[in-house]
Amino acid sequence: MTEKDLDELLAGRALDALSPEDAARLEQALAADPALRARAQRDEETAALLADATPEVAPPAAIRDQLLARIAGAAAPADVAPEESADAPAGPAPSAPAEPVPSAPAGRAASGPAPSGLARPGRRRWFALAASVAVVAAVGLSALTIGRLLDRPDAVVALEQIAQAEDGQVLEGELPGGGAIEMHWSHSVGEVVVLADEAPALDEGRQYELWLVRGDEPIPAGVFDGGVDEPLLLDGELAPGDVVAVTIEQEGGSPTGVPTTEPIAVMPTD
């Protein structure tokens, strides 16, 4: 296991949020490493201090349903047939756009098939981290505060907030040349998170660039490399009617601040 894997497993253990399989893996590592056992004890003490530092409050009733829905989504078969997508609103015309597939709102209990993207192992890991933040949030601190205290990426915290939001949504699509892209967003939260861990690698000196398209104005929202296995939090606040687009640009993003290529994916947020 890498140090990053150990950090995630130790945090999950301190919050009592590990799966039996992950717990068994970690216990094996702890048995062979005294220094790791000391780290685990410190994490447990930190979690206890966080709980003791806040007054007892009843956790939001929706948290249990949301976590159970996420667990059900992670266990769902990966070959669930997606529904047909509605046409994207007016925006950049892609030469070979992704075909987005909307799913049920992320913040509600699952009443139908879970998004197939949640069955991918890399994505389950990020939702497990987001769920850990939700567990600690039940002691009375905000998800954002807890995420920062536990040194969790802002994108992971945003995923948890979107999952809790009544208007949380998920959209999936395929990328030209292979790979998939998955977008999570909420207008009440004002954030968009993209998962593109299967995006094909690009030639040296090239990167994918994300855009928030507001009317006729494309707004740069971040760049990423192919094969990235982390959620990507878009720069800027989501506004009603925004469309998320992906183009291929030079490394660091378009120097002009506008796309220089046709978008390979266009995803509406309404």
C-alpha atoms as a PDB file:
ATOM      1  CA  MET A   1       0.000   0.000   0.000  1.00  0.00           C
ATOM      2  CA  THR A   2       1.133   3.542  -0.689  1.00  0.00           C
ATOM      3  CA  GLU A   3       1.349   6.251   1.970  1.00  0.00           C
ATOM      4  CA  LYS A   4      -1.758   7.816   0.455  1.00  0.00           C
ATOM      5  CA  ASP A   5      -3.636   4.517   0.800  1.00  0.00           C
ATOM      6  CA  LEU A   6      -2.525   4.224   4.422  1.00  0.00           C
ATOM      7  CA  ASP A   7      -3.605   7.796   5.214  1.00  0.00           C
ATOM      8  CA  GLU A   8      -7.076   7.103   3.810  1.00  0.00           C
ATOM      9  CA  LEU A   9      -7.417   3.783   5.627  1.00  0.00           C
ATOM     10  CA  LEU A  10      -6.222   5.244   8.934  1.00  0.00           C
ATOM     11  CA  ALA A  11      -8.734   8.086   8.684  1.00  0.00           C
ATOM     12  CA  GLY A  12     -11.499   5.618   7.877  1.00  0.00           C
ATOM     13  CA  ARG A  13     -10.504   3.429  10.834  1.00  0.00           C
ATOM     14  CA  ALA A  14     -10.569   6.400  13.218  1.00  0.00           C
ATOM     15  CA  LEU A  15     -14.092   7.179  12.014  1.00  0.00           C
ATOM     16  CA  ASP A  16     -15.189   3.526  12.071  1.00  0.00           C
ATOM     17  CA  ALA A  17     -16.026   3.879   8.379  1.00  0.00           C
ATOM     18  CA  LEU A  18     -13.979   1.089   6.752  1.00  0.00           C
ATOM     19  CA  SER A  19     -15.364  -1.851   4.838  1.00  0.00           C
ATOM     20  CA  PRO A  20     -14.507  -5.285   6.299  1.00  0.00           C
ATOM     21  CA  GLU A  21     -12.042  -5.857   3.462  1.00  0.00           C
ATOM     22  CA  ASP A  22     -10.229  -2.549   4.005  1.00  0.00           C
ATOM     23  CA  ALA A  23     -10.244  -3.068   7.771  1.00  0.00           C
ATOM     24  CA  ALA A  24      -8.605  -6.479   7.339  1.00  0.00           C
ATOM     25  CA  ARG A  25      -5.935  -5.031   5.034  1.00  0.00           C
ATOM     26  CA  LEU A  26      -5.150  -2.279   7.503  1.00  0.00           C
ATOM     27  CA  GLU A  27      -5.018  -4.624  10.500  1.00  0.00           C
ATOM     28  CA  GLN A  28      -2.416  -6.726   8.687  1.00  0.00           C
ATOM     29  CA  ALA A  29      -0.307  -3.633   8.087  1.00  0.00           C
ATOM     30  CA  LEU A  30      -0.720  -2.473  11.700  1.00  0.00           C
ATOM     31  CA  ALA A  31       0.387  -5.845  13.054  1.00  0.00           C
ATOM     32  CA  ALA A  32       3.677  -5.566  11.182  1.00  0.00           C
ATOM     33  CA  ASP A  33       4.475  -1.882  11.800  1.00  0.00           C
ATOM     34  CA  PRO A  34       4.731  -0.318  15.303  1.00  0.00           C
ATOM     35  CA  ALA A  35       5.096   3.182  13.820  1.00  0.00           C
ATOM     36  CA  LEU A  36       1.880   2.712  11.880  1.00  0.00           C
ATOM     37  CA  ARG A  37       0.102   1.604  15.062  1.00  0.00           C
ATOM     38  CA  ALA A  38       1.227   4.841  16.717  1.00  0.00           C
ATOM     39  CA  ARG A  39      -0.203   6.839  13.802  1.00  0.00           C
ATOM     40  CA  ALA A  40      -3.473   4.942  14.100  1.00  0.00           C
ATOM     41  CA  GLN A  41      -3.675   5.757  17.802  1.00  0.00           C
ATOM     42  CA  ARG A  42      -3.060   9.461  17.125  1.00  0.00           C
ATOM     43  CA  ASP A  43      -5.818   9.498  14.508  1.00  0.00           C
ATOM     44  CA  GLU A  44      -8.233   7.840  16.934  1.00  0.00           C
ATOM     45  CA  GLU A  45      -7.374  10.384  19.621  1.00  0.00           C
ATOM     46  CA  THR A  46      -7.908  13.234  17.147  1.00  0.00           C
ATOM     47  CA  ALA A  47     -11.328  11.890  16.162  1.00  0.00           C
ATOM     48  CA  ALA A  48     -12.254  11.556  19.846  1.00  0.00           C
ATOM     49  CA  LEU A  49     -11.155  15.135  20.530  1.00  0.00           C
ATOM     50  CA  LEU A  50     -13.283  16.390  17.644  1.00  0.00           C
ATOM     51  CA  ALA A  51     -16.300  14.587  19.058  1.00  0.00           C
ATOM     52  CA  ASP A  52     -15.663  15.801  22.622  1.00  0.00           C
ATOM     53  CA  ALA A  53     -15.178  19.406  21.480  1.00  0.00           C
ATOM     54  CA  THR A  54     -18.726  19.741  20.189  1.00  0.00           C
ATOM     55  CA  PRO A  55     -22.116  19.505  21.899  1.00  0.00           C
ATOM     56  CA  GLU A  56     -24.195  16.420  21.242  1.00  0.00           C
ATOM     57  CA  VAL A  57     -26.706  16.982  18.468  1.00  0.00           C
ATOM     58  CA  ALA A  58     -28.953  14.654  16.557  1.00  0.00           C
ATOM     59  CA  PRO A  59     -27.428  13.947  13.145  1.00  0.00           C
ATOM     60  CA  PRO A  60     -29.520  15.050  10.154  1.00  0.00           C
ATOM     61  CA  ALA A  61     -32.073  12.366   9.364  1.00  0.00           C
ATOM     62  CA  ALA A  62     -31.046  12.321   5.705  1.00  0.00           C
ATOM     63  CA  ILE A  63     -27.430  11.301   6.364  1.00  0.00           C
ATOM     64  CA  ARG A  64     -28.241   7.631   7.006  1.00  0.00           C
ATOM     65  CA  ASP A  65     -30.310   7.380   3.817  1.00  0.00           C
ATOM     66  CA  GLN A  66     -27.618   9.151   1.808  1.00  0.00           C
ATOM     67  CA  LEU A  67     -24.867   6.841   3.029  1.00  0.00           C
ATOM     68  CA  LEU A  68     -26.996   3.759   2.413  1.00  0.00           C
ATOM     69  CA  ALA A  69     -27.761   5.038  -1.072  1.00  0.00           C
ATOM     70  CA  ARG A  70     -24.047   5.491  -1.739  1.00  0.00           C
ATOM     71  CA  ILE A  71     -23.298   1.983  -0.448  1.00  0.00           C
ATOM     72  CA  ALA A  72     -26.038   0.574  -2.680  1.00  0.00           C
ATOM     73  CA  GLY A  73     -24.619   2.524  -5.609  1.00  0.00           C
ATOM     74  CA  ALA A  74     -21.120   1.188  -5.013  1.00  0.00           C
ATOM     75  CA  ALA A  75     -22.427  -2.377  -4.978  1.00  0.00           C
ATOM     76  CA  ALA A  76     -24.607  -1.996  -8.080  1.00  0.00           C
ATOM     77  CA  PRO A  77     -23.626  -3.947 -11.220  1.00  0.00           C
ATOM     78  CA  ALA A  78     -21.413  -1.938 -13.544  1.00  0.00           C
ATOM     79  CA  ASP A  79     -23.405  -2.942 -16.619  1.00  0.00           C
ATOM     80  CA  VAL A  80     -26.711  -1.298 -15.635  1.00  0.00           C
ATOM     81  CA  ALA A  81     -28.225   0.039 -18.827  1.00  0.00           C
ATOM     82  CA  PRO A  82     -28.213   3.867 -18.787  1.00  0.00           C
ATOM     83  CA  GLU A  83     -31.167   5.971 -19.808  1.00  0.00           C
ATOM     84  CA  GLU A  84     -31.133   8.109 -22.909  1.00  0.00           C
ATOM     85  CA  SER A  85     -29.934  11.681 -22.353  1.00  0.00           C
ATOM     86  CA  ALA A  86     -31.872  14.822 -23.075  1.00  0.00           C
ATOM     87  CA  ASP A  87     -30.316  17.150 -25.613  1.00  0.00           C
ATOM     88  CA  ALA A  88     -27.745  19.540 -24.205  1.00  0.00           C
ATOM     89  CA  PRO A  89     -28.722  23.235 -24.156  1.00  0.00           C
ATOM     90  CA  ALA A  90     -27.119  25.622 -26.584  1.00  0.00           C
ATOM     91  CA  GLY A  91     -23.377  25.830 -26.048  1.00  0.00           C
ATOM     92  CA  PRO A  92     -20.155  24.984 -27.837  1.00  0.00           C
ATOM     93  CA  ALA A  93     -20.842  22.522 -30.668  1.00  0.00           C
ATOM     94  CA  PRO A  94     -18.606  19.496 -30.106  1.00  0.00           C
ATOM     95  CA  SER A  95     -17.093  17.662 -33.028  1.00  0.00           C
ATOM     96  CA  ALA A  96     -17.377  14.356 -31.172  1.00  0.00           C
ATOM     97  CA  PRO A  97     -19.212  15.126 -27.941  1.00  0.00           C
ATOM     98  CA  ALA A  98     -19.719  12.867 -25.018  1.00  0.00           C
ATOM     99  CA  GLU A  99     -23.180  11.417 -24.692  1.00  0.00           C
ATOM    100  CA  PRO A 100     -24.252  12.383 -21.159  1.00  0.00           C
ATOM    101  CA  VAL A 101     -26.617  10.142 -19.262  1.00  0.00           C
ATOM    102  CA  PRO A 102     -28.496  11.832 -16.389  1.00  0.00           C
ATOM    103  CA  SER A 103     -29.191   9.845 -13.266  1.00  0.00           C
ATOM    104  CA  ALA A 104     -31.242  10.332 -10.140  1.00  0.00           C
ATOM    105  CA  PRO A 105     -30.354  13.267  -7.848  1.00  0.00           C
ATOM    106  CA  ALA A 106     -27.297  12.386  -5.804  1.00  0.00           C
ATOM    107  CA  GLY A 107     -28.746  13.619  -2.529  1.00  0.00           C
ATOM    108  CA  ARG A 108     -31.839  11.397  -2.447  1.00  0.00           C
ATOM    109  CA  ALA A 109     -32.345   7.800  -1.450  1.00  0.00           C
ATOM    110  CA  ALA A 110     -31.917   5.504  -4.437  1.00  0.00           C
ATOM    111  CA  SER A 111     -35.254   4.459  -5.922  1.00  0.00           C
ATOM    112  CA  GLY A 112     -33.839   3.118  -9.195  1.00  0.00           C
ATOM    113  CA  PRO A 113     -30.538   1.990 -10.710  1.00  0.00           C
ATOM    114  CA  ALA A 114     -27.493   3.729  -9.296  1.00  0.00           C
ATOM    115  CA  PRO A 115     -25.151   5.484 -11.773  1.00  0.00           C
ATOM    116  CA  SER A 116     -22.890   2.867 -13.323  1.00  0.00           C
ATOM    117  CA  GLY A 117     -19.862   5.059 -12.641  1.00  0.00           C
ATOM    118  CA  LEU A 118     -20.190   4.420  -8.904  1.00  0.00           C
ATOM    119  CA  ALA A 119     -19.316   0.769  -9.461  1.00  0.00           C
ATOM    120  CA  ARG A 120     -15.798   1.615 -10.612  1.00  0.00           C
ATOM    121  CA  PRO A 121     -13.241   0.938  -7.827  1.00  0.00           C
ATOM    122  CA  GLY A 122     -11.468   4.286  -8.154  1.00  0.00           C
ATOM    123  CA  ARG A 123     -14.718   6.182  -7.786  1.00  0.00           C
ATOM    124  CA  ARG A 124     -15.883   4.069  -4.832  1.00  0.00           C
ATOM    125  CA  ARG A 125     -12.739   5.197  -2.988  1.00  0.00           C
ATOM    126  CA  TRP A 126     -13.630   8.878  -3.365  1.00  0.00           C
ATOM    127  CA  PHE A 127     -17.206   8.342  -2.255  1.00  0.00           C
ATOM    128  CA  ALA A 128     -15.914   6.403   0.755  1.00  0.00           C
ATOM    129  CA  LEU A 129     -13.829   9.448   1.687  1.00  0.00           C
ATOM    130  CA  ALA A 130     -16.806  11.736   1.228  1.00  0.00           C
ATOM    131  CA  ALA A 131     -18.889   9.429   3.409  1.00  0.00           C
ATOM    132  CA  SER A 132     -16.213   9.617   6.107  1.00  0.00           C
ATOM    133  CA  VAL A 133     -16.607  13.391   6.130  1.00  0.00           C
ATOM    134  CA  ALA A 134     -20.374  12.950   6.464  1.00  0.00           C
ATOM    135  CA  VAL A 135     -19.937  10.614   9.449  1.00  0.00           C
ATOM    136  CA  VAL A 136     -17.816  13.144  11.327  1.00  0.00           C
ATOM    137  CA  ALA A 137     -20.129  15.991  10.320  1.00  0.00           C
ATOM    138  CA  ALA A 138     -22.811  14.279  12.398  1.00  0.00           C
ATOM    139  CA  VAL A 139     -21.034  15.375  15.599  1.00  0.00           C
ATOM    140  CA  GLY A 140     -21.932  18.966  14.797  1.00  0.00           C
ATOM    141  CA  LEU A 141     -19.130  20.465  12.679  1.00  0.00           C
ATOM    142  CA  SER A 142     -19.656  21.480   9.061  1.00  0.00           C
ATOM    143  CA  ALA A 143     -18.492  19.167   6.288  1.00  0.00           C
ATOM    144  CA  LEU A 144     -16.109  21.846   5.013  1.00  0.00           C
ATOM    145  CA  THR A 145     -14.536  22.336   8.460  1.00  0.00           C
ATOM    146  CA  ILE A 146     -14.186  18.598   9.040  1.00  0.00           C
ATOM    147  CA  GLY A 147     -12.737  18.087   5.574  1.00  0.00           C
ATOM    148  CA  ARG A 148     -10.036  20.644   6.245  1.00  0.00           C
ATOM    149  CA  LEU A 149      -9.298  19.277   9.725  1.00  0.00           C
ATOM    150  CA  LEU A 150      -8.795  15.831   8.213  1.00  0.00           C
ATOM    151  CA  ASP A 151      -6.748  17.305   5.347  1.00  0.00           C
ATOM    152  CA  ARG A 152      -9.215  16.067   2.748  1.00  0.00           C
ATOM    153  CA  PRO A 153      -9.160  17.575  -0.766  1.00  0.00           C
ATOM    154  CA  ASP A 154     -11.754  20.264  -1.404  1.00  0.00           C
ATOM    155  CA  ALA A 155     -13.133  18.168  -4.286  1.00  0.00           C
ATOM    156  CA  VAL A 156     -13.914  15.286  -1.896  1.00  0.00           C
ATOM    157  CA  VAL A 157     -15.668  17.648   0.515  1.00  0.00           C
ATOM    158  CA  ALA A 158     -17.620  19.141  -2.406  1.00  0.00           C
ATOM    159  CA  LEU A 159     -18.726  15.652  -3.476  1.00  0.00           C
ATOM    160  CA  GLU A 160     -20.155  15.069   0.000  1.00  0.00           C
ATOM    161  CA  GLN A 161     -21.948  18.431  -0.014  1.00  0.00           C
ATOM    162  CA  ILE A 162     -23.422  17.726  -3.449  1.00  0.00           C
ATOM    163  CA  ALA A 163     -24.552  14.278  -2.292  1.00  0.00           C
ATOM    164  CA  GLN A 164     -26.417  15.882   0.626  1.00  0.00           C
ATOM    165  CA  ALA A 165     -28.020  18.624  -1.472  1.00  0.00           C
ATOM    166  CA  GLU A 166     -31.665  18.205  -2.485  1.00  0.00           C
ATOM    167  CA  ASP A 167     -30.772  19.361  -6.004  1.00  0.00           C
ATOM    168  CA  GLY A 168     -27.609  17.250  -6.340  1.00  0.00           C
ATOM    169  CA  GLN A 169     -27.318  15.732  -9.809  1.00  0.00           C
ATOM    170  CA  VAL A 170     -25.067  13.279 -11.681  1.00  0.00           C
ATOM    171  CA  LEU A 171     -24.366  13.114 -15.405  1.00  0.00           C
ATOM    172  CA  GLU A 172     -22.297  10.480 -17.216  1.00  0.00           C
ATOM    173  CA  GLY A 173     -20.880  10.305 -20.721  1.00  0.00           C
ATOM    174  CA  GLU A 174     -18.334   8.589 -22.920  1.00  0.00           C
ATOM    175  CA  LEU A 175     -15.278  10.392 -24.280  1.00  0.00           C
ATOM    176  CA  PRO A 176     -14.085  10.113 -27.882  1.00  0.00           C
ATOM    177  CA  GLY A 177     -11.204   7.661 -28.084  1.00  0.00           C
ATOM    178  CA  GLY A 178     -12.368   5.758 -25.022  1.00  0.00           C
ATOM    179  CA  GLY A 179     -12.826   6.567 -21.370  1.00  0.00           C
ATOM    180  CA  ALA A 180     -15.694   8.060 -19.444  1.00  0.00           C
ATOM    181  CA  ILE A 181     -16.481  11.316 -17.692  1.00  0.00           C
ATOM    182  CA  GLU A 182     -18.853  11.815 -14.775  1.00  0.00           C
ATOM    183  CA  MET A 183     -20.083  15.181 -13.511  1.00  0.00           C
ATOM    184  CA  HIS A 184     -21.618  15.892 -10.079  1.00  0.00           C
ATOM    185  CA  TRP A 185     -23.165  19.282  -9.392  1.00  0.00           C
ATOM    186  CA  SER A 186     -25.603  21.238  -7.262  1.00  0.00           C
ATOM    187  CA  HIS A 187     -26.850  24.759  -7.858  1.00  0.00           C
ATOM    188  CA  SER A 188     -27.582  25.257  -4.163  1.00  0.00           C
ATOM    189  CA  VAL A 189     -23.991  24.284  -3.315  1.00  0.00           C
ATOM    190  CA  GLY A 190     -22.684  26.189  -6.345  1.00  0.00           C
ATOM    191  CA  GLU A 191     -20.034  23.575  -7.161  1.00  0.00           C
ATOM    192  CA  VAL A 192     -19.226  21.134  -9.956  1.00  0.00           C
ATOM    193  CA  VAL A 193     -16.992  18.071  -9.500  1.00  0.00           C
ATOM    194  CA  VAL A 194     -15.791  16.004 -12.462  1.00  0.00           C
ATOM    195  CA  LEU A 195     -14.475  12.430 -12.377  1.00  0.00           C
ATOM    196  CA  ALA A 196     -12.461  11.583 -15.497  1.00  0.00           C
ATOM    197  CA  ASP A 197     -10.098   8.859 -14.321  1.00  0.00           C
ATOM    198  CA  GLU A 198     -10.455   6.940 -17.590  1.00  0.00           C
ATOM    199  CA  ALA A 199      -9.704   9.858 -19.919  1.00  0.00           C
ATOM    200  CA  PRO A 200      -7.067   8.807 -22.490  1.00  0.00           C
ATOM    201  CA  ALA A 201      -3.526  10.103 -22.009  1.00  0.00           C
ATOM    202  CA  LEU A 202      -2.618  13.020 -24.289  1.00  0.00           C
ATOM    203  CA  ASP A 203       0.566  13.846 -26.163  1.00  0.00           C
ATOM    204  CA  GLU A 204       3.274  15.660 -24.240  1.00  0.00           C
ATOM    205  CA  GLY A 205       2.523  19.346 -23.856  1.00  0.00           C
ATOM    206  CA  ARG A 206      -1.261  18.872 -24.053  1.00  0.00           C
ATOM    207  CA  GLN A 207      -3.914  18.842 -21.300  1.00  0.00           C
ATOM    208  CA  TYR A 208      -7.659  18.638 -20.993  1.00  0.00           C
ATOM    209  CA  GLU A 209      -9.264  21.944 -20.039  1.00  0.00           C
ATOM    210  CA  LEU A 210     -12.613  22.364 -18.294  1.00  0.00           C
ATOM    211  CA  TRP A 211     -14.911  25.291 -19.065  1.00  0.00           C
ATOM    212  CA  LEU A 212     -18.032  26.785 -17.560  1.00  0.00           C
ATOM    213  CA  VAL A 213     -19.933  28.121 -20.566  1.00  0.00           C
ATOM    214  CA  ARG A 214     -22.238  30.929 -19.464  1.00  0.00           C
ATOM    215  CA  GLY A 215     -24.355  32.040 -22.397  1.00  0.00           C
ATOM    216  CA  ASP A 216     -21.797  32.695 -25.142  1.00  0.00           C
ATOM    217  CA  GLU A 217     -18.910  33.196 -22.701  1.00  0.00           C
ATOM    218  CA  PRO A 218     -16.525  30.311 -21.941  1.00  0.00           C
ATOM    219  CA  ILE A 219     -14.922  30.639 -18.490  1.00  0.00           C
ATOM    220  CA  PRO A 220     -11.723  28.618 -17.794  1.00  0.00           C
ATOM    221  CA  ALA A 221     -12.396  26.193 -14.926  1.00  0.00           C
ATOM    222  CA  GLY A 222      -9.218  24.116 -14.602  1.00  0.00           C
ATOM    223  CA  VAL A 223      -6.983  21.653 -16.437  1.00  0.00           C
ATOM    224  CA  PHE A 224      -6.218  17.974 -15.906  1.00  0.00           C
ATOM    225  CA  ASP A 225      -4.195  15.142 -17.406  1.00  0.00           C
ATOM    226  CA  GLY A 226      -5.474  11.903 -18.842  1.00  0.00           C
ATOM    227  CA  GLY A 227      -5.591   9.033 -16.381  1.00  0.00           C
ATOM    228  CA  VAL A 228      -6.110  11.309 -13.360  1.00  0.00           C
ATOM    229  CA  ASP A 229      -7.704   9.251 -10.577  1.00  0.00           C
ATOM    230  CA  GLU A 230      -8.847  12.137  -8.388  1.00  0.00           C
ATOM    231  CA  PRO A 231     -12.058  14.175  -8.457  1.00  0.00           C
ATOM    232  CA  LEU A 232     -11.663  17.610 -10.031  1.00  0.00           C
ATOM    233  CA  LEU A 233     -13.386  20.625  -8.467  1.00  0.00           C
ATOM    234  CA  LEU A 234     -14.101  23.215 -11.142  1.00  0.00           C
ATOM    235  CA  ASP A 235     -12.869  26.748 -10.546  1.00  0.00           C
ATOM    236  CA  GLY A 236     -15.601  29.334 -10.204  1.00  0.00           C
ATOM    237  CA  GLU A 237     -19.146  29.217  -8.873  1.00  0.00           C
ATOM    238  CA  LEU A 238     -21.858  27.424 -10.822  1.00  0.00           C
ATOM    239  CA  ALA A 239     -24.647  29.661 -12.153  1.00  0.00           C
ATOM    240  CA  PRO A 240     -28.083  28.706 -13.533  1.00  0.00           C
ATOM    241  CA  GLY A 241     -27.900  27.737 -17.182  1.00  0.00           C
ATOM    242  CA  ASP A 242     -24.161  26.991 -17.151  1.00  0.00           C
ATOM    243  CA  VAL A 243     -22.842  24.274 -19.443  1.00  0.00           C
ATOM    244  CA  VAL A 244     -19.650  22.358 -18.650  1.00  0.00           C
ATOM    245  CA  ALA A 245     -17.381  21.666 -21.627  1.00  0.00           C
ATOM    246  CA  VAL A 246     -14.053  19.896 -22.079  1.00  0.00           C
ATOM    247  CA  THR A 247     -11.463  20.749 -24.727  1.00  0.00           C
ATOM    248  CA  ILE A 248      -7.889  19.686 -25.429  1.00  0.00           C
ATOM    249  CA  GLU A 249      -5.460  22.579 -25.073  1.00  0.00           C
ATOM    250  CA  GLN A 250      -1.774  23.216 -24.618  1.00  0.00           C
ATOM    251  CA  GLU A 251      -0.303  22.414 -21.213  1.00  0.00           C
ATOM    252  CA  GLY A 252      -1.539  24.906 -18.636  1.00  0.00           C
ATOM    253  CA  GLY A 253      -4.667  25.751 -20.610  1.00  0.00           C
ATOM    254  CA  SER A 254      -5.566  27.992 -23.507  1.00  0.00           C
ATOM    255  CA  PRO A 255      -3.278  31.062 -23.501  1.00  0.00           C
ATOM    256  CA  THR A 256      -6.104  33.227 -24.845  1.00  0.00           C
ATOM    257  CA  GLY A 257      -8.616  32.271 -22.163  1.00  0.00           C
ATOM    258  CA  VAL A 258     -11.005  30.860 -24.775  1.00  0.00           C
ATOM    259  CA  PRO A 259     -11.096  27.369 -26.321  1.00  0.00           C
ATOM    260  CA  THR A 260      -8.792  26.820 -29.285  1.00  0.00           C
ATOM    261  CA  THR A 261     -10.290  23.427 -30.214  1.00  0.00           C
ATOM    262  CA  GLU A 262     -13.772  21.996 -30.534  1.00  0.00           C
ATOM    263  CA  PRO A 263     -15.096  20.545 -27.266  1.00  0.00           C
ATOM    264  CA  ILE A 264     -14.971  16.776 -26.855  1.00  0.00           C
ATOM    265  CA  ALA A 265     -17.673  16.827 -24.179  1.00  0.00           C
ATOM    266  CA  VAL A 266     -20.570  19.171 -23.455  1.00  0.00           C
ATOM    267  CA  MET A 267     -22.650  18.628 -20.315  1.00  0.00           C
ATOM    268  CA  PRO A 268     -25.636  20.766 -19.283  1.00  0.00           C
ATOM    269  CA  THR A 269     -26.365  21.570 -15.647  1.00  0.00           C
ATOM    270  CA  ASP A 270     -30.093  22.282 -16.074  1.00  0.00           C
END
